[in-house]
Amino acid sequence: MDNKHVVLICFIADPFDPVGSNRIGGGHIYLFDLSRYLVQQGYRVTYITRNNNIQKPYKEVIGECFTIYRITCGPKIELSPDKVGMHLNQLKNKTTKLLKSLPPIFIIHSHYWIAGSVIMDYCKVNHIRHIHTVLSIGKVKHELGEPISSIDKIRNKNEEAVYQSADALLLICPDEKNNFTKYYPNINVNKLFIIPNGINTEIFYPRTCTTNNYFCRSANRFKERTKSIF
């Protein structure tokens, strides 16, 4: 394979942000590790995200095979995913312009519905293979009772379009795949691939408490599902 240029796009996670800063959890560490692995396998990696800090440069070149671009879109501060989604058109215009300036691309791998929405048309027009990591499904979020924001109608429409357009959809567990067959019965199941998150069993282990005491993700970060967690 002559063309080994992979573009990773996620507008809600900068792989070089510190863990635990602001709303940042561990998702960006997965993207950091994925980028490093691809470079180790001989791929050239371009990472595109949104600039969330005025001190960060637009472009950083790290080594011979990794470059990160931080697009200015909205204020240069950390924003919630919903607020980032409000800049969808601007993100699309700036990302398209950037992609046209890059060397030939083998695969574009988008993460979360915002990135998928931004690049799905570009991939189709330019015959570039599109892999999309789902991260979360808007319709499941609503069923769990999480608050519905002003961006959710746009999200639901765009999510389904991304799922139809992408060449492959990456999920982390069978439950996510079951949700696809429930909420998106027209999606081709042959392009659903389950790749579980890696776990170091020397550090992590199963909880001993009942699942009734678990916390569930919500728009305000966490929401208690029971009156007491102990």
C-alpha atoms as a PDB file:
ATOM      1  CA  MET A   1       0.000   0.000   0.000  1.00  0.00           C
ATOM      2  CA  ASP A   2       1.656   3.242  -1.178  1.00  0.00           C
ATOM      3  CA  ASN A   3      -0.742   5.703   0.451  1.00  0.00           C
ATOM      4  CA  LYS A   4      -0.536   5.303   4.226  1.00  0.00           C
ATOM      5  CA  HIS A   5      -1.923   8.697   5.254  1.00  0.00           C
ATOM      6  CA  VAL A   6      -4.690   8.496   7.871  1.00  0.00           C
ATOM      7  CA  VAL A   7      -6.650  11.524   9.078  1.00  0.00           C
ATOM      8  CA  LEU A   8      -8.209  11.364  12.552  1.00  0.00           C
ATOM      9  CA  ILE A   9     -10.867  13.978  13.334  1.00  0.00           C
ATOM     10  CA  CYS A  10     -12.478  14.734  16.684  1.00  0.00           C
ATOM     11  CA  PHE A  11     -13.622  18.248  17.576  1.00  0.00           C
ATOM     12  CA  ILE A  12     -14.299  17.502  21.237  1.00  0.00           C
ATOM     13  CA  ALA A  13     -10.951  15.983  22.234  1.00  0.00           C
ATOM     14  CA  ASP A  14      -7.384  17.209  21.896  1.00  0.00           C
ATOM     15  CA  PRO A  15      -5.061  14.209  22.431  1.00  0.00           C
ATOM     16  CA  PHE A  16      -2.534  16.375  24.270  1.00  0.00           C
ATOM     17  CA  ASP A  17      -4.894  17.789  26.911  1.00  0.00           C
ATOM     18  CA  PRO A  18      -4.165  16.767  30.521  1.00  0.00           C
ATOM     19  CA  VAL A  19      -6.418  14.077  31.975  1.00  0.00           C
ATOM     20  CA  GLY A  20      -9.038  15.461  34.356  1.00  0.00           C
ATOM     21  CA  SER A  21      -8.745  19.072  33.197  1.00  0.00           C
ATOM     22  CA  ASN A  22     -12.143  20.821  32.938  1.00  0.00           C
ATOM     23  CA  ARG A  23     -14.640  18.323  31.462  1.00  0.00           C
ATOM     24  CA  ILE A  24     -11.901  16.148  29.960  1.00  0.00           C
ATOM     25  CA  GLY A  25     -12.072  12.472  30.815  1.00  0.00           C
ATOM     26  CA  GLY A  26     -10.088   9.715  29.130  1.00  0.00           C
ATOM     27  CA  GLY A  27     -11.448   9.653  25.577  1.00  0.00           C
ATOM     28  CA  HIS A  28      -8.600  11.763  24.270  1.00  0.00           C
ATOM     29  CA  ILE A  29      -6.099   9.273  25.694  1.00  0.00           C
ATOM     30  CA  TYR A  30      -7.645   6.615  23.442  1.00  0.00           C
ATOM     31  CA  LEU A  31      -7.104   8.949  20.478  1.00  0.00           C
ATOM     32  CA  PHE A  32      -3.518   9.619  21.575  1.00  0.00           C
ATOM     33  CA  ASP A  33      -2.821   5.879  21.816  1.00  0.00           C
ATOM     34  CA  LEU A  34      -4.509   5.218  18.458  1.00  0.00           C
ATOM     35  CA  SER A  35      -2.397   7.912  16.793  1.00  0.00           C
ATOM     36  CA  ARG A  36       0.795   6.524  18.333  1.00  0.00           C
ATOM     37  CA  TYR A  37      -0.078   2.972  17.267  1.00  0.00           C
ATOM     38  CA  LEU A  38      -0.739   4.019  13.667  1.00  0.00           C
ATOM     39  CA  VAL A  39       2.577   5.869  13.529  1.00  0.00           C
ATOM     40  CA  GLN A  40       4.338   2.780  14.906  1.00  0.00           C
ATOM     41  CA  GLN A  41       2.718   0.739  12.115  1.00  0.00           C
ATOM     42  CA  GLY A  42       4.211   3.052   9.512  1.00  0.00           C
ATOM     43  CA  TYR A  43       1.232   5.327   8.840  1.00  0.00           C
ATOM     44  CA  ARG A  44       1.410   9.069   8.468  1.00  0.00           C
ATOM     45  CA  VAL A  45      -1.206  10.560  10.815  1.00  0.00           C
ATOM     46  CA  THR A  46      -2.895  13.940  10.594  1.00  0.00           C
ATOM     47  CA  TYR A  47      -5.108  14.831  13.553  1.00  0.00           C
ATOM     48  CA  ILE A  48      -7.726  17.603  13.251  1.00  0.00           C
ATOM     49  CA  THR A  49      -9.492  19.087  16.263  1.00  0.00           C
ATOM     50  CA  ARG A  50     -10.899  22.410  17.501  1.00  0.00           C
ATOM     51  CA  ASN A  51      -8.644  24.857  19.300  1.00  0.00           C
ATOM     52  CA  ASN A  52      -9.797  24.993  22.941  1.00  0.00           C
ATOM     53  CA  ASN A  53      -6.984  27.128  24.355  1.00  0.00           C
ATOM     54  CA  ILE A  54      -5.583  30.461  23.172  1.00  0.00           C
ATOM     55  CA  GLN A  55      -2.043  29.277  23.969  1.00  0.00           C
ATOM     56  CA  LYS A  56      -2.202  26.313  21.591  1.00  0.00           C
ATOM     57  CA  PRO A  57      -0.756  26.683  18.074  1.00  0.00           C
ATOM     58  CA  TYR A  58      -2.786  26.044  14.941  1.00  0.00           C
ATOM     59  CA  LYS A  59      -0.292  23.449  13.720  1.00  0.00           C
ATOM     60  CA  GLU A  60       2.168  21.185  15.502  1.00  0.00           C
ATOM     61  CA  VAL A  61       4.479  18.712  13.810  1.00  0.00           C
ATOM     62  CA  ILE A  62       5.663  15.933  16.107  1.00  0.00           C
ATOM     63  CA  GLY A  63       8.266  13.644  14.612  1.00  0.00           C
ATOM     64  CA  GLU A  64       8.222  12.672  10.953  1.00  0.00           C
ATOM     65  CA  CYS A  65       4.769  11.103  10.836  1.00  0.00           C
ATOM     66  CA  PHE A  66       2.386  13.081  13.058  1.00  0.00           C
ATOM     67  CA  THR A  67       0.811  16.513  12.586  1.00  0.00           C
ATOM     68  CA  ILE A  68      -2.042  18.064  14.557  1.00  0.00           C
ATOM     69  CA  TYR A  69      -4.168  20.964  13.319  1.00  0.00           C
ATOM     70  CA  ARG A  70      -6.376  22.950  15.692  1.00  0.00           C
ATOM     71  CA  ILE A  71      -9.140  24.798  13.878  1.00  0.00           C
ATOM     72  CA  THR A  72     -10.332  28.078  15.348  1.00  0.00           C
ATOM     73  CA  CYS A  73     -14.089  27.810  15.650  1.00  0.00           C
ATOM     74  CA  GLY A  74     -15.869  29.713  18.393  1.00  0.00           C
ATOM     75  CA  PRO A  75     -13.991  30.922  21.469  1.00  0.00           C
ATOM     76  CA  LYS A  76     -10.647  29.289  22.227  1.00  0.00           C
ATOM     77  CA  ILE A  77     -11.919  27.672  25.409  1.00  0.00           C
ATOM     78  CA  GLU A  78     -13.159  24.206  26.284  1.00  0.00           C
ATOM     79  CA  LEU A  79     -16.801  23.875  25.180  1.00  0.00           C
ATOM     80  CA  SER A  80     -19.369  21.175  25.848  1.00  0.00           C
ATOM     81  CA  PRO A  81     -20.066  18.869  22.862  1.00  0.00           C
ATOM     82  CA  ASP A  82     -23.490  20.491  22.396  1.00  0.00           C
ATOM     83  CA  LYS A  83     -21.917  23.947  22.080  1.00  0.00           C
ATOM     84  CA  VAL A  84     -19.302  22.644  19.663  1.00  0.00           C
ATOM     85  CA  GLY A  85     -22.137  21.224  17.560  1.00  0.00           C
ATOM     86  CA  MET A  86     -23.578  24.719  17.178  1.00  0.00           C
ATOM     87  CA  HIS A  87     -20.552  25.569  14.987  1.00  0.00           C
ATOM     88  CA  LEU A  88     -21.172  22.699  12.554  1.00  0.00           C
ATOM     89  CA  ASN A  89     -21.180  24.744   9.327  1.00  0.00           C
ATOM     90  CA  GLN A  90     -18.040  26.677  10.208  1.00  0.00           C
ATOM     91  CA  LEU A  91     -16.249  23.478  11.188  1.00  0.00           C
ATOM     92  CA  LYS A  92     -17.242  21.900   7.883  1.00  0.00           C
ATOM     93  CA  ASN A  93     -16.012  24.840   5.789  1.00  0.00           C
ATOM     94  CA  LYS A  94     -12.660  25.126   7.590  1.00  0.00           C
ATOM     95  CA  THR A  95     -12.060  21.368   7.688  1.00  0.00           C
ATOM     96  CA  THR A  96     -12.847  20.972   3.989  1.00  0.00           C
ATOM     97  CA  LYS A  97     -10.376  23.727   3.135  1.00  0.00           C
ATOM     98  CA  LEU A  98      -7.705  22.065   5.282  1.00  0.00           C
ATOM     99  CA  LEU A  99      -8.306  18.583   3.860  1.00  0.00           C
ATOM    100  CA  LYS A 100      -7.869  19.907   0.316  1.00  0.00           C
ATOM    101  CA  SER A 101      -4.393  21.161   1.261  1.00  0.00           C
ATOM    102  CA  LEU A 102      -3.186  17.816   2.638  1.00  0.00           C
ATOM    103  CA  PRO A 103      -1.338  15.021   0.799  1.00  0.00           C
ATOM    104  CA  PRO A 104      -3.494  12.175  -0.620  1.00  0.00           C
ATOM    105  CA  ILE A 105      -5.564  10.510   2.114  1.00  0.00           C
ATOM    106  CA  PHE A 106      -6.112   6.762   2.521  1.00  0.00           C
ATOM    107  CA  ILE A 107      -8.703   6.833   5.335  1.00  0.00           C
ATOM    108  CA  ILE A 108     -10.539   9.467   7.335  1.00  0.00           C
ATOM    109  CA  HIS A 109     -11.521   8.265  10.804  1.00  0.00           C
ATOM    110  CA  SER A 110     -14.100  10.483  12.523  1.00  0.00           C
ATOM    111  CA  HIS A 111     -15.056  10.345  16.182  1.00  0.00           C
ATOM    112  CA  TYR A 112     -18.466  11.451  17.498  1.00  0.00           C
ATOM    113  CA  TRP A 113     -21.349  12.710  15.378  1.00  0.00           C
ATOM    114  CA  ILE A 114     -19.945  16.230  14.877  1.00  0.00           C
ATOM    115  CA  ALA A 115     -16.795  15.046  13.097  1.00  0.00           C
ATOM    116  CA  GLY A 116     -18.766  12.465  11.120  1.00  0.00           C
ATOM    117  CA  SER A 117     -21.211  15.134   9.935  1.00  0.00           C
ATOM    118  CA  VAL A 118     -18.379  17.438   8.904  1.00  0.00           C
ATOM    119  CA  ILE A 119     -16.537  14.996   6.656  1.00  0.00           C
ATOM    120  CA  MET A 120     -19.098  12.477   5.323  1.00  0.00           C
ATOM    121  CA  ASP A 121     -19.779  14.457   2.119  1.00  0.00           C
ATOM    122  CA  TYR A 122     -16.073  15.108   1.543  1.00  0.00           C
ATOM    123  CA  CYS A 123     -15.339  11.394   1.769  1.00  0.00           C
ATOM    124  CA  LYS A 124     -18.065  10.520  -0.734  1.00  0.00           C
ATOM    125  CA  VAL A 125     -17.063  13.170  -3.279  1.00  0.00           C
ATOM    126  CA  ASN A 126     -13.361  12.310  -3.065  1.00  0.00           C
ATOM    127  CA  HIS A 127     -13.810   8.517  -2.779  1.00  0.00           C
ATOM    128  CA  ILE A 128     -12.016   8.323   0.559  1.00  0.00           C
ATOM    129  CA  ARG A 129     -12.809   5.445   2.907  1.00  0.00           C
ATOM    130  CA  HIS A 130     -14.694   6.750   5.960  1.00  0.00           C
ATOM    131  CA  ILE A 131     -14.472   4.991   9.331  1.00  0.00           C
ATOM    132  CA  HIS A 132     -16.580   6.394  12.143  1.00  0.00           C
ATOM    133  CA  THR A 133     -16.364   5.752  15.890  1.00  0.00           C
ATOM    134  CA  VAL A 134     -19.795   6.293  17.410  1.00  0.00           C
ATOM    135  CA  LEU A 135     -18.920   7.143  21.068  1.00  0.00           C
ATOM    136  CA  SER A 136     -22.601   7.664  21.930  1.00  0.00           C
ATOM    137  CA  ILE A 137     -26.043   7.444  20.297  1.00  0.00           C
ATOM    138  CA  GLY A 138     -28.373  10.411  20.679  1.00  0.00           C
ATOM    139  CA  LYS A 139     -31.555   8.325  20.692  1.00  0.00           C
ATOM    140  CA  VAL A 140     -30.230   6.198  23.558  1.00  0.00           C
ATOM    141  CA  LYS A 141     -29.362   9.339  25.486  1.00  0.00           C
ATOM    142  CA  HIS A 142     -32.982  10.483  25.208  1.00  0.00           C
ATOM    143  CA  GLU A 143     -34.371   7.100  26.252  1.00  0.00           C
ATOM    144  CA  LEU A 144     -32.251   7.239  29.409  1.00  0.00           C
ATOM    145  CA  GLY A 145     -33.985  10.482  30.326  1.00  0.00           C
ATOM    146  CA  GLU A 146     -31.057  12.819  29.810  1.00  0.00           C
ATOM    147  CA  PRO A 147     -32.013  16.445  29.041  1.00  0.00           C
ATOM    148  CA  ILE A 148     -32.745  17.240  25.384  1.00  0.00           C
ATOM    149  CA  SER A 149     -30.764  20.259  24.199  1.00  0.00           C
ATOM    150  CA  SER A 150     -31.410  22.641  21.325  1.00  0.00           C
ATOM    151  CA  ILE A 151     -28.822  20.831  19.207  1.00  0.00           C
ATOM    152  CA  ASP A 152     -30.331  17.365  19.648  1.00  0.00           C
ATOM    153  CA  LYS A 153     -32.700  17.561  16.648  1.00  0.00           C
ATOM    154  CA  ILE A 154     -29.744  18.445  14.432  1.00  0.00           C
ATOM    155  CA  ARG A 155     -27.721  15.679  16.050  1.00  0.00           C
ATOM    156  CA  ASN A 156     -30.352  12.997  15.477  1.00  0.00           C
ATOM    157  CA  LYS A 157     -30.716  13.914  11.800  1.00  0.00           C
ATOM    158  CA  ASN A 158     -26.977  14.075  11.198  1.00  0.00           C
ATOM    159  CA  GLU A 159     -26.189  10.926  13.169  1.00  0.00           C
ATOM    160  CA  GLU A 160     -28.418   8.806  10.973  1.00  0.00           C
ATOM    161  CA  ALA A 161     -26.891  10.350   7.833  1.00  0.00           C
ATOM    162  CA  VAL A 162     -23.373   9.584   9.117  1.00  0.00           C
ATOM    163  CA  TYR A 163     -24.322   5.995   9.930  1.00  0.00           C
ATOM    164  CA  GLN A 164     -25.725   5.513   6.432  1.00  0.00           C
ATOM    165  CA  SER A 165     -22.753   7.161   4.735  1.00  0.00           C
ATOM    166  CA  ALA A 166     -19.753   5.705   6.592  1.00  0.00           C
ATOM    167  CA  ASP A 167     -18.002   2.623   5.243  1.00  0.00           C
ATOM    168  CA  ALA A 168     -17.486   1.189   8.734  1.00  0.00           C
ATOM    169  CA  LEU A 169     -18.911   1.975  12.172  1.00  0.00           C
ATOM    170  CA  LEU A 170     -16.855   1.138  15.259  1.00  0.00           C
ATOM    171  CA  LEU A 171     -18.643   0.137  18.475  1.00  0.00           C
ATOM    172  CA  ILE A 172     -17.279  -0.954  21.842  1.00  0.00           C
ATOM    173  CA  CYS A 173     -19.738  -3.662  22.930  1.00  0.00           C
ATOM    174  CA  PRO A 174     -22.614  -5.909  21.762  1.00  0.00           C
ATOM    175  CA  ASP A 175     -25.116  -3.700  23.589  1.00  0.00           C
ATOM    176  CA  GLU A 176     -24.228  -0.812  21.286  1.00  0.00           C
ATOM    177  CA  LYS A 177     -24.763  -3.055  18.285  1.00  0.00           C
ATOM    178  CA  ASN A 178     -28.172  -4.065  19.663  1.00  0.00           C
ATOM    179  CA  ASN A 179     -29.070  -0.380  19.950  1.00  0.00           C
ATOM    180  CA  PHE A 180     -28.284   0.073  16.277  1.00  0.00           C
ATOM    181  CA  THR A 181     -30.634  -2.687  15.220  1.00  0.00           C
ATOM    182  CA  LYS A 182     -33.298  -1.165  17.481  1.00  0.00           C
ATOM    183  CA  TYR A 183     -33.024   2.506  16.533  1.00  0.00           C
ATOM    184  CA  TYR A 184     -31.581   2.250  13.023  1.00  0.00           C
ATOM    185  CA  PRO A 185     -32.991  -0.922  11.435  1.00  0.00           C
ATOM    186  CA  ASN A 186     -32.020   0.273   7.945  1.00  0.00           C
ATOM    187  CA  ILE A 187     -28.303   0.407   8.753  1.00  0.00           C
ATOM    188  CA  ASN A 188     -26.296  -2.371   7.106  1.00  0.00           C
ATOM    189  CA  VAL A 189     -25.189  -4.577  10.014  1.00  0.00           C
ATOM    190  CA  ASN A 190     -22.224  -5.807   7.969  1.00  0.00           C
ATOM    191  CA  LYS A 191     -20.476  -2.487   8.526  1.00  0.00           C
ATOM    192  CA  LEU A 192     -20.814  -2.635  12.321  1.00  0.00           C
ATOM    193  CA  PHE A 193     -17.574  -3.710  14.025  1.00  0.00           C
ATOM    194  CA  ILE A 194     -17.150  -4.239  17.763  1.00  0.00           C
ATOM    195  CA  ILE A 195     -13.725  -3.308  19.124  1.00  0.00           C
ATOM    196  CA  PRO A 196     -13.798  -3.358  22.957  1.00  0.00           C
ATOM    197  CA  ASN A 197     -11.825  -0.822  24.931  1.00  0.00           C
ATOM    198  CA  GLY A 198      -8.579  -2.251  26.231  1.00  0.00           C
ATOM    199  CA  ILE A 199      -8.446  -2.803  30.006  1.00  0.00           C
ATOM    200  CA  ASN A 200      -5.454  -3.445  32.234  1.00  0.00           C
ATOM    201  CA  THR A 201      -6.837  -6.137  34.550  1.00  0.00           C
ATOM    202  CA  GLU A 202      -3.971  -5.552  36.974  1.00  0.00           C
ATOM    203  CA  ILE A 203      -5.475  -2.133  37.719  1.00  0.00           C
ATOM    204  CA  PHE A 204      -9.209  -2.454  36.964  1.00  0.00           C
ATOM    205  CA  TYR A 205     -11.619  -5.106  38.218  1.00  0.00           C
ATOM    206  CA  PRO A 206     -15.416  -5.722  38.291  1.00  0.00           C
ATOM    207  CA  ARG A 207     -17.487  -3.745  40.795  1.00  0.00           C
ATOM    208  CA  THR A 208     -18.815  -5.707  43.754  1.00  0.00           C
ATOM    209  CA  CYS A 209     -21.896  -3.503  44.224  1.00  0.00           C
ATOM    210  CA  THR A 210     -25.154  -3.915  42.316  1.00  0.00           C
ATOM    211  CA  THR A 211     -25.755  -2.183  39.004  1.00  0.00           C
ATOM    212  CA  ASN A 212     -28.507  -0.120  40.688  1.00  0.00           C
ATOM    213  CA  ASN A 213     -25.775   1.958  42.290  1.00  0.00           C
ATOM    214  CA  TYR A 214     -24.036   2.885  39.057  1.00  0.00           C
ATOM    215  CA  PHE A 215     -23.827   6.428  37.822  1.00  0.00           C
ATOM    216  CA  CYS A 216     -25.109   7.300  34.360  1.00  0.00           C
ATOM    217  CA  ARG A 217     -23.616   9.919  32.072  1.00  0.00           C
ATOM    218  CA  SER A 218     -25.758  13.000  31.454  1.00  0.00           C
ATOM    219  CA  ALA A 219     -25.519  16.501  30.070  1.00  0.00           C
ATOM    220  CA  ASN A 220     -24.392  17.765  33.482  1.00  0.00           C
ATOM    221  CA  ARG A 221     -21.627  15.127  33.549  1.00  0.00           C
ATOM    222  CA  PHE A 222     -23.148  12.579  35.958  1.00  0.00           C
ATOM    223  CA  LYS A 223     -26.648  11.845  37.173  1.00  0.00           C
ATOM    224  CA  GLU A 224     -27.474   9.695  40.190  1.00  0.00           C
ATOM    225  CA  ARG A 225     -29.854   6.894  39.252  1.00  0.00           C
ATOM    226  CA  THR A 226     -30.789   6.024  42.849  1.00  0.00           C
ATOM    227  CA  LYS A 227     -31.409   7.948  46.072  1.00  0.00           C
ATOM    228  CA  SER A 228     -28.184   6.687  47.605  1.00  0.00           C
ATOM    229  CA  ILE A 229     -25.036   5.326  46.030  1.00  0.00           C
ATOM    230  CA  PHE A 230     -23.973   3.425  49.139  1.00  0.00           C
END
